[in-house]
Amino acid sequence: QYYADPIIDLIIPSIDKEHRLYRNSCKFIDGNVCKDLRAFERNLRKVILIDDKINTFTFFPDNTISVAPWYDDPNDRLLMKTLWPLLKKCEAATDVRGIIGDYNFSQHSGKKQK
């Protein structure tokens, strides 16, 4: 939470604290960390999880954007180059799962992104 809040505040400050999920909000299922997006009690068509933990993919793959962990690399441009345009597409969509699902497929299959 200590490093996620400043990032969320910068990218999408309109997301209030009650609609943010952190490690202390997780469940553990079969030894895996599960960020249960159903906890928000919102339609999953408009819920996005951005995470640097790949095991989260197992539970909500079409809502999850996987990013590499950030370790104070001043040359890291993932946020502006890849993540920001993807979030803008999601903002305009009626269902983010199609956009994120296509993104995940292209990222993990080696095919060009849409």
Protein backbone atom coordinates (compact mmCIF):
# COMPACT_ATOMS: atom_id res chain seq x y z
CA GLN A 1 0.00 0.00 0.00
CA TYR A 2 2.84 2.38 0.83
CA TYR A 3 4.12 2.36 -2.75
CA ALA A 4 0.81 1.71 -4.56
CA ASP A 5 -1.11 4.70 -3.18
CA PRO A 6 1.21 7.38 -4.63
CA ILE A 7 1.07 5.69 -8.04
CA ILE A 8 -2.73 5.37 -7.97
CA ASP A 9 -3.01 8.97 -6.77
CA LEU A 10 -0.94 10.08 -9.75
CA ILE A 11 -2.59 7.94 -12.43
CA ILE A 12 -6.23 7.86 -11.32
CA PRO A 13 -6.75 10.04 -8.24
CA SER A 14 -10.52 9.57 -8.43
CA ILE A 15 -10.21 6.01 -7.09
CA ASP A 16 -10.97 6.33 -3.41
CA LYS A 17 -9.26 4.25 -0.70
CA GLU A 18 -12.27 1.91 -0.35
CA HIS A 19 -11.81 0.78 -3.94
CA ARG A 20 -8.14 -0.14 -3.74
CA LEU A 21 -6.92 -3.63 -2.96
CA TYR A 22 -3.61 -4.35 -1.22
CA ARG A 23 -1.79 -7.43 0.02
CA ASN A 24 -3.45 -7.15 3.43
CA SER A 25 -6.82 -7.43 1.64
CA CYS A 26 -5.90 -10.74 0.04
CA LYS A 27 -7.07 -14.27 0.60
CA PHE A 28 -4.72 -17.24 0.43
CA ILE A 29 -5.96 -20.16 -1.64
CA ASP A 30 -3.78 -23.27 -2.05
CA GLY A 31 -0.74 -21.21 -1.10
CA ASN A 32 -1.45 -18.53 -3.71
CA VAL A 33 -2.29 -14.91 -2.99
CA CYS A 34 -5.77 -14.07 -4.28
CA LYS A 35 -6.95 -10.53 -4.73
CA ASP A 36 -10.65 -11.24 -4.90
CA LEU A 37 -12.10 -8.55 -7.11
CA ARG A 38 -15.60 -9.59 -6.11
CA ALA A 39 -14.90 -7.87 -2.77
CA PHE A 40 -15.66 -4.55 -4.47
CA GLU A 41 -19.22 -5.67 -5.20
CA ARG A 42 -19.00 -4.05 -8.62
CA ASN A 43 -19.58 -5.39 -12.08
CA LEU A 44 -16.27 -6.87 -13.25
CA ARG A 45 -16.75 -5.18 -16.63
CA LYS A 46 -15.27 -2.03 -15.04
CA VAL A 47 -12.72 -3.47 -12.61
CA ILE A 48 -8.98 -3.46 -13.40
CA LEU A 49 -6.22 -5.02 -11.32
CA ILE A 50 -2.67 -3.90 -12.09
CA ASP A 51 -0.22 -6.19 -10.37
CA ASP A 52 3.42 -7.21 -10.43
CA LYS A 53 2.60 -10.66 -9.02
CA ILE A 54 1.95 -13.16 -11.81
CA ASN A 55 0.03 -15.60 -9.59
CA THR A 56 -2.88 -13.15 -9.48
CA PHE A 57 -3.52 -14.07 -13.13
CA THR A 58 -4.96 -17.39 -12.04
CA PHE A 59 -8.02 -15.80 -10.50
CA PHE A 60 -9.07 -12.88 -12.73
CA PRO A 61 -6.96 -12.98 -15.90
CA ASP A 62 -9.24 -10.78 -18.01
CA ASN A 63 -9.24 -8.06 -15.36
CA THR A 64 -5.52 -8.22 -14.57
CA ILE A 65 -2.75 -6.25 -16.22
CA SER A 66 0.55 -7.79 -15.24
CA VAL A 67 3.53 -5.44 -14.97
CA ALA A 68 7.14 -6.07 -14.08
CA PRO A 69 8.16 -4.98 -10.59
CA TRP A 70 9.67 -1.52 -10.46
CA TYR A 71 12.98 -1.09 -8.65
CA ASP A 72 13.79 2.61 -8.91
CA ASP A 73 14.83 2.45 -12.57
CA PRO A 74 14.83 6.02 -13.94
CA ASN A 75 14.71 4.64 -17.51
CA ASP A 76 11.53 2.63 -16.94
CA ARG A 77 8.87 4.00 -19.29
CA LEU A 78 6.25 1.25 -18.91
CA LEU A 79 3.72 3.56 -17.29
CA MET A 80 3.57 6.12 -20.05
CA LYS A 81 4.47 3.97 -23.04
CA THR A 82 2.28 0.91 -22.43
CA LEU A 83 0.11 1.18 -19.35
CA TRP A 84 -1.33 4.66 -19.87
CA PRO A 85 -2.63 3.99 -23.45
CA LEU A 86 -4.09 0.68 -22.28
CA LEU A 87 -5.91 2.38 -19.39
CA LYS A 88 -7.27 5.02 -21.78
CA LYS A 89 -8.70 2.25 -24.00
CA CYS A 90 -10.26 0.65 -20.92
CA GLU A 91 -11.78 3.97 -19.87
CA ALA A 92 -13.71 4.17 -23.15
CA ALA A 93 -14.79 0.51 -23.14
CA THR A 94 -18.06 -0.92 -21.90
CA ASP A 95 -16.17 -4.03 -20.77
CA VAL A 96 -12.47 -3.80 -19.87
CA ARG A 97 -12.08 -7.58 -19.96
CA GLY A 98 -12.00 -7.72 -23.75
CA ILE A 99 -9.26 -5.10 -23.95
CA ILE A 100 -7.19 -6.59 -21.13
CA GLY A 101 -7.73 -10.12 -22.45
CA ASP A 102 -6.48 -9.07 -25.91
CA TYR A 103 -3.51 -7.29 -24.31
CA ASN A 104 -2.63 -10.31 -22.17
CA PHE A 105 -2.89 -12.62 -25.19
CA SER A 106 -0.62 -10.45 -27.30
CA GLN A 107 1.89 -10.02 -24.45
CA HIS A 108 2.11 -13.75 -23.70
CA SER A 109 1.85 -15.12 -27.24
CA GLY A 110 4.49 -12.90 -28.80
CA LYS A 111 1.96 -11.42 -31.22
CA LYS A 112 1.76 -7.75 -31.93
CA GLN A 113 -0.46 -5.74 -29.61
CA LYS A 114 -3.76 -4.37 -30.88
